[in-house]
N, C-alpha and C. Protein backbone atom coordinates (compact mmCIF):
# COMPACT_ATOMS: atom_id res chain seq x y z
N MET A 1 -57.49 39.94 2.85
CA MET A 1 -58.75 39.25 2.86
C MET A 1 -58.79 38.19 3.96
N ASP A 2 -57.60 37.78 4.45
CA ASP A 2 -57.58 36.80 5.53
C ASP A 2 -58.26 37.36 6.77
N GLY A 3 -58.14 38.65 7.01
CA GLY A 3 -58.77 39.26 8.17
C GLY A 3 -60.28 39.17 8.10
N ILE A 4 -60.85 39.50 6.96
CA ILE A 4 -62.30 39.44 6.80
C ILE A 4 -62.78 38.00 6.88
N LEU A 5 -62.06 37.10 6.22
CA LEU A 5 -62.44 35.70 6.23
C LEU A 5 -62.34 35.13 7.64
N GLY A 6 -61.30 35.52 8.38
CA GLY A 6 -61.14 35.05 9.74
C GLY A 6 -62.27 35.51 10.64
N VAL A 7 -62.68 36.78 10.48
CA VAL A 7 -63.79 37.31 11.27
C VAL A 7 -65.07 36.57 10.96
N VAL A 8 -65.33 36.34 9.69
CA VAL A 8 -66.56 35.66 9.30
C VAL A 8 -66.55 34.22 9.77
N MET A 9 -65.41 33.54 9.65
CA MET A 9 -65.33 32.17 10.11
C MET A 9 -65.53 32.11 11.63
N SER A 10 -64.96 33.08 12.36
CA SER A 10 -65.14 33.14 13.79
C SER A 10 -66.61 33.35 14.15
N GLU A 11 -67.25 34.25 13.42
CA GLU A 11 -68.67 34.52 13.67
C GLU A 11 -69.52 33.29 13.36
N ALA A 12 -69.21 32.61 12.28
CA ALA A 12 -69.96 31.40 11.92
C ALA A 12 -69.74 30.32 12.98
N SER A 13 -68.50 30.20 13.46
CA SER A 13 -68.21 29.23 14.51
C SER A 13 -68.99 29.57 15.77
N HIS A 14 -69.05 30.85 16.09
CA HIS A 14 -69.82 31.30 17.26
C HIS A 14 -71.29 30.94 17.10
N LEU A 15 -71.84 31.15 15.92
CA LEU A 15 -73.24 30.83 15.68
C LEU A 15 -73.49 29.33 15.82
N PHE A 16 -72.57 28.52 15.30
CA PHE A 16 -72.75 27.08 15.41
C PHE A 16 -72.65 26.61 16.87
N MET A 17 -71.72 27.21 17.63
CA MET A 17 -71.59 26.85 19.05
C MET A 17 -72.83 27.28 19.83
N GLN A 18 -73.33 28.45 19.49
CA GLN A 18 -74.54 28.94 20.15
C GLN A 18 -75.72 28.02 19.83
N ALA A 19 -75.80 27.60 18.58
CA ALA A 19 -76.88 26.69 18.19
C ALA A 19 -76.74 25.35 18.90
N ALA A 20 -75.50 24.88 19.06
CA ALA A 20 -75.28 23.61 19.74
C ALA A 20 -75.63 23.71 21.22
N SER A 21 -75.32 24.85 21.85
CA SER A 21 -75.63 25.02 23.28
C SER A 21 -77.13 25.15 23.51
N GLN A 22 -77.83 25.65 22.53
CA GLN A 22 -79.27 25.80 22.66
C GLN A 22 -80.02 24.54 22.25
N ALA A 23 -79.27 23.55 21.78
CA ALA A 23 -79.93 22.33 21.29
C ALA A 23 -80.71 21.62 22.39
N GLY A 24 -80.22 21.72 23.63
CA GLY A 24 -80.92 21.07 24.71
C GLY A 24 -82.24 21.74 25.04
N THR A 25 -82.33 23.04 24.83
CA THR A 25 -83.55 23.76 25.19
C THR A 25 -84.42 24.10 23.99
N ALA A 26 -83.79 24.20 22.84
CA ALA A 26 -84.55 24.58 21.65
C ALA A 26 -85.01 23.35 20.91
N ALA A 27 -85.97 23.54 20.09
CA ALA A 27 -86.47 22.44 19.27
C ALA A 27 -85.46 22.13 18.17
N ALA A 28 -85.52 20.93 17.66
CA ALA A 28 -84.57 20.51 16.63
C ALA A 28 -84.72 21.35 15.37
N GLY A 29 -85.91 21.82 15.08
CA GLY A 29 -86.14 22.65 13.90
C GLY A 29 -85.42 23.99 13.99
N GLU A 30 -85.37 24.56 15.19
CA GLU A 30 -84.67 25.84 15.36
C GLU A 30 -83.17 25.67 15.17
N THR A 31 -82.62 24.58 15.69
CA THR A 31 -81.19 24.33 15.54
C THR A 31 -80.84 24.10 14.07
N ALA A 32 -81.68 23.38 13.37
CA ALA A 32 -81.43 23.14 11.95
C ALA A 32 -81.51 24.45 11.18
N ALA A 33 -82.43 25.33 11.56
CA ALA A 33 -82.55 26.62 10.89
C ALA A 33 -81.29 27.46 11.10
N MET A 34 -80.72 27.41 12.31
CA MET A 34 -79.49 28.14 12.57
C MET A 34 -78.35 27.61 11.70
N GLY A 35 -78.28 26.27 11.54
CA GLY A 35 -77.24 25.69 10.70
C GLY A 35 -77.40 26.08 9.25
N ILE A 36 -78.64 26.11 8.80
CA ILE A 36 -78.89 26.50 7.41
C ILE A 36 -78.54 27.96 7.20
N MET A 37 -78.89 28.81 8.17
CA MET A 37 -78.57 30.23 8.05
C MET A 37 -77.06 30.45 8.05
N GLY A 38 -76.34 29.72 8.90
CA GLY A 38 -74.88 29.84 8.93
C GLY A 38 -74.27 29.40 7.61
N GLY A 39 -74.77 28.31 7.05
CA GLY A 39 -74.28 27.84 5.75
C GLY A 39 -74.58 28.83 4.64
N ALA A 40 -75.75 29.44 4.70
CA ALA A 40 -76.12 30.43 3.69
C ALA A 40 -75.23 31.66 3.81
N MET A 41 -74.91 32.05 5.05
CA MET A 41 -74.02 33.21 5.24
C MET A 41 -72.63 32.92 4.70
N LEU A 42 -72.11 31.72 4.93
CA LEU A 42 -70.80 31.36 4.41
C LEU A 42 -70.80 31.32 2.88
N PHE A 43 -71.86 30.82 2.30
CA PHE A 43 -71.97 30.78 0.84
C PHE A 43 -72.00 32.20 0.26
N MET A 44 -72.76 33.09 0.90
CA MET A 44 -72.80 34.47 0.42
C MET A 44 -71.46 35.15 0.59
N LEU A 45 -70.73 34.83 1.65
CA LEU A 45 -69.39 35.38 1.85
C LEU A 45 -68.45 34.90 0.75
N LEU A 46 -68.54 33.64 0.41
CA LEU A 46 -67.71 33.10 -0.67
C LEU A 46 -68.00 33.81 -1.99
N ILE A 47 -69.26 34.03 -2.29
CA ILE A 47 -69.63 34.75 -3.51
C ILE A 47 -69.07 36.17 -3.48
N LEU A 48 -69.14 36.84 -2.33
CA LEU A 48 -68.62 38.20 -2.19
C LEU A 48 -67.11 38.23 -2.42
N VAL A 49 -66.39 37.29 -1.84
CA VAL A 49 -64.93 37.26 -2.00
C VAL A 49 -64.56 37.03 -3.46
N VAL A 50 -65.23 36.10 -4.12
CA VAL A 50 -64.96 35.84 -5.55
C VAL A 50 -65.25 37.08 -6.37
N TYR A 51 -66.35 37.75 -6.08
CA TYR A 51 -66.71 38.98 -6.80
C TYR A 51 -65.65 40.05 -6.60
N LEU A 52 -65.17 40.22 -5.38
CA LEU A 52 -64.16 41.24 -5.11
C LEU A 52 -62.84 40.93 -5.81
N VAL A 53 -62.47 39.66 -5.89
CA VAL A 53 -61.24 39.28 -6.61
C VAL A 53 -61.37 39.61 -8.09
N PHE A 54 -62.51 39.26 -8.69
CA PHE A 54 -62.71 39.59 -10.11
C PHE A 54 -62.74 41.09 -10.33
N LEU A 55 -63.33 41.83 -9.41
CA LEU A 55 -63.36 43.29 -9.52
C LEU A 55 -61.96 43.87 -9.46
N LEU A 56 -61.13 43.36 -8.57
CA LEU A 56 -59.75 43.82 -8.45
C LEU A 56 -58.95 43.53 -9.72
N VAL A 57 -59.11 42.34 -10.27
CA VAL A 57 -58.40 41.98 -11.51
C VAL A 57 -58.86 42.88 -12.66
N ALA A 58 -60.15 43.15 -12.74
CA ALA A 58 -60.67 44.02 -13.81
C ALA A 58 -60.14 45.44 -13.65
N LEU A 59 -60.06 45.93 -12.42
CA LEU A 59 -59.54 47.28 -12.18
C LEU A 59 -58.07 47.39 -12.55
N ILE A 60 -57.29 46.38 -12.21
CA ILE A 60 -55.87 46.37 -12.58
C ILE A 60 -55.73 46.33 -14.11
N GLY A 61 -56.54 45.52 -14.77
CA GLY A 61 -56.50 45.47 -16.24
C GLY A 61 -56.88 46.78 -16.88
N PHE A 62 -57.87 47.46 -16.31
CA PHE A 62 -58.28 48.76 -16.85
C PHE A 62 -57.16 49.79 -16.71
N VAL A 63 -56.50 49.81 -15.54
CA VAL A 63 -55.39 50.75 -15.33
C VAL A 63 -54.26 50.44 -16.30
N LEU A 64 -53.93 49.17 -16.49
CA LEU A 64 -52.90 48.79 -17.46
C LEU A 64 -53.27 49.26 -18.86
N TRP A 65 -54.51 49.09 -19.24
CA TRP A 65 -54.98 49.50 -20.56
C TRP A 65 -54.81 51.01 -20.76
N ILE A 66 -55.22 51.80 -19.78
CA ILE A 66 -55.09 53.26 -19.87
C ILE A 66 -53.61 53.66 -19.94
N LEU A 67 -52.77 53.04 -19.11
CA LEU A 67 -51.34 53.37 -19.13
C LEU A 67 -50.68 53.04 -20.47
N MET A 68 -51.08 51.95 -21.09
CA MET A 68 -50.49 51.57 -22.38
C MET A 68 -50.96 52.51 -23.50
N ILE A 69 -52.21 52.98 -23.42
CA ILE A 69 -52.68 53.96 -24.40
C ILE A 69 -51.89 55.26 -24.25
N ILE A 70 -51.67 55.70 -23.03
CA ILE A 70 -50.91 56.93 -22.79
C ILE A 70 -49.46 56.75 -23.26
N ASP A 71 -48.86 55.60 -22.97
CA ASP A 71 -47.48 55.34 -23.41
C ASP A 71 -47.39 55.36 -24.93
N CYS A 72 -48.33 54.74 -25.59
CA CYS A 72 -48.33 54.70 -27.05
C CYS A 72 -48.50 56.10 -27.65
N ALA A 73 -49.37 56.89 -27.06
CA ALA A 73 -49.60 58.24 -27.58
C ALA A 73 -48.37 59.14 -27.41
N ARG A 74 -47.61 58.93 -26.35
CA ARG A 74 -46.43 59.77 -26.09
C ARG A 74 -45.16 59.26 -26.77
N ARG A 75 -45.13 58.01 -27.16
CA ARG A 75 -43.92 57.41 -27.73
C ARG A 75 -43.70 57.92 -29.16
N ASP A 76 -42.43 58.27 -29.48
CA ASP A 76 -42.09 58.79 -30.81
C ASP A 76 -41.10 57.91 -31.56
N ASP A 77 -40.77 56.74 -31.03
CA ASP A 77 -39.73 55.93 -31.66
C ASP A 77 -40.27 54.70 -32.40
N PHE A 78 -41.41 54.86 -33.07
CA PHE A 78 -41.93 53.77 -33.90
C PHE A 78 -41.20 53.76 -35.23
N LYS A 79 -41.02 52.57 -35.82
CA LYS A 79 -40.27 52.45 -37.07
C LYS A 79 -41.06 52.97 -38.26
N GLY A 80 -42.27 52.50 -38.43
CA GLY A 80 -43.06 52.87 -39.59
C GLY A 80 -43.84 54.16 -39.38
N GLU A 81 -44.37 54.65 -40.48
CA GLU A 81 -45.12 55.91 -40.46
C GLU A 81 -46.46 55.77 -39.74
N ASN A 82 -47.12 54.64 -39.94
CA ASN A 82 -48.44 54.43 -39.36
C ASN A 82 -48.44 53.48 -38.16
N ASP A 83 -47.27 53.15 -37.64
CA ASP A 83 -47.20 52.21 -36.52
C ASP A 83 -47.92 52.73 -35.28
N LYS A 84 -47.76 54.01 -35.00
CA LYS A 84 -48.40 54.59 -33.83
C LYS A 84 -49.92 54.49 -33.95
N LEU A 85 -50.46 54.85 -35.09
CA LEU A 85 -51.90 54.77 -35.31
C LEU A 85 -52.39 53.33 -35.21
N LEU A 86 -51.62 52.41 -35.78
CA LEU A 86 -51.99 50.99 -35.72
C LEU A 86 -52.01 50.49 -34.28
N TRP A 87 -50.99 50.85 -33.48
CA TRP A 87 -50.97 50.40 -32.09
C TRP A 87 -52.08 51.04 -31.27
N ILE A 88 -52.39 52.29 -31.52
CA ILE A 88 -53.50 52.92 -30.79
C ILE A 88 -54.81 52.22 -31.12
N LEU A 89 -55.02 51.88 -32.38
CA LEU A 89 -56.24 51.15 -32.76
C LEU A 89 -56.28 49.75 -32.11
N ILE A 90 -55.12 49.08 -32.10
CA ILE A 90 -55.07 47.76 -31.43
C ILE A 90 -55.39 47.91 -29.95
N LEU A 91 -54.86 48.94 -29.32
CA LEU A 91 -55.11 49.14 -27.89
C LEU A 91 -56.58 49.47 -27.62
N ILE A 92 -57.16 50.32 -28.44
CA ILE A 92 -58.55 50.71 -28.21
C ILE A 92 -59.50 49.54 -28.44
N PHE A 93 -59.33 48.84 -29.55
CA PHE A 93 -60.26 47.76 -29.87
C PHE A 93 -59.88 46.42 -29.23
N GLY A 94 -58.63 46.27 -28.83
CA GLY A 94 -58.18 45.03 -28.21
C GLY A 94 -58.37 45.00 -26.71
N GLY A 95 -58.58 46.16 -26.12
CA GLY A 95 -58.81 46.21 -24.69
C GLY A 95 -57.61 45.73 -23.89
N ILE A 96 -57.89 44.96 -22.86
CA ILE A 96 -56.84 44.49 -21.96
C ILE A 96 -55.88 43.55 -22.69
N ILE A 97 -56.40 42.73 -23.59
CA ILE A 97 -55.53 41.82 -24.34
C ILE A 97 -54.58 42.62 -25.23
N GLY A 98 -55.08 43.66 -25.87
CA GLY A 98 -54.23 44.53 -26.67
C GLY A 98 -53.17 45.22 -25.84
N ALA A 99 -53.52 45.62 -24.61
CA ALA A 99 -52.57 46.27 -23.72
C ALA A 99 -51.45 45.32 -23.31
N VAL A 100 -51.79 44.07 -23.04
CA VAL A 100 -50.77 43.08 -22.68
C VAL A 100 -49.84 42.81 -23.87
N ILE A 101 -50.41 42.69 -25.06
CA ILE A 101 -49.59 42.48 -26.26
C ILE A 101 -48.67 43.68 -26.49
N TYR A 102 -49.19 44.89 -26.37
CA TYR A 102 -48.39 46.10 -26.54
C TYR A 102 -47.26 46.14 -25.52
N TYR A 103 -47.56 45.78 -24.27
CA TYR A 103 -46.55 45.82 -23.22
C TYR A 103 -45.37 44.92 -23.57
N PHE A 104 -45.65 43.69 -24.01
CA PHE A 104 -44.55 42.77 -24.27
C PHE A 104 -43.87 43.00 -25.62
N VAL A 105 -44.59 43.50 -26.61
CA VAL A 105 -44.01 43.68 -27.95
C VAL A 105 -43.28 45.02 -28.06
N VAL A 106 -43.85 46.10 -27.51
CA VAL A 106 -43.27 47.44 -27.72
C VAL A 106 -42.62 47.97 -26.45
N LYS A 107 -43.36 48.10 -25.39
CA LYS A 107 -42.88 48.79 -24.20
C LYS A 107 -41.71 48.08 -23.54
N LYS A 108 -41.83 46.79 -23.30
CA LYS A 108 -40.78 46.07 -22.63
C LYS A 108 -39.51 45.98 -23.48
N LYS A 109 -39.68 45.87 -24.79
CA LYS A 109 -38.55 45.75 -25.69
C LYS A 109 -37.77 47.06 -25.79
N LYS A 110 -38.46 48.20 -25.78
CA LYS A 110 -37.80 49.48 -26.01
C LYS A 110 -37.40 50.19 -24.73
N ASP A 111 -37.92 49.78 -23.60
CA ASP A 111 -37.54 50.44 -22.34
C ASP A 111 -36.38 49.78 -21.67
């Protein structure tokens, strides 16, 4: 993400320098509009980066959840008779939190 952020910062810097060089010939209102547009672009970039980070975390959590359901379904070394069914229900209804609990309580302990 440093590459994208660097490109955007460079582009914003270029826009600000261009606005500053045109300040002598352009009206003050035009220069202010360029500054506002540059600030708006940076704000939208920040929102995009935050959104992409949350999307990546959600995708990783979803993959972990699916892997833990598959592990639970294939595992045959549960102590009790209904432990497998109980863990599958916890995984399905607990979502990502259930997957993290399963990983530390069952998978990590037995592997």
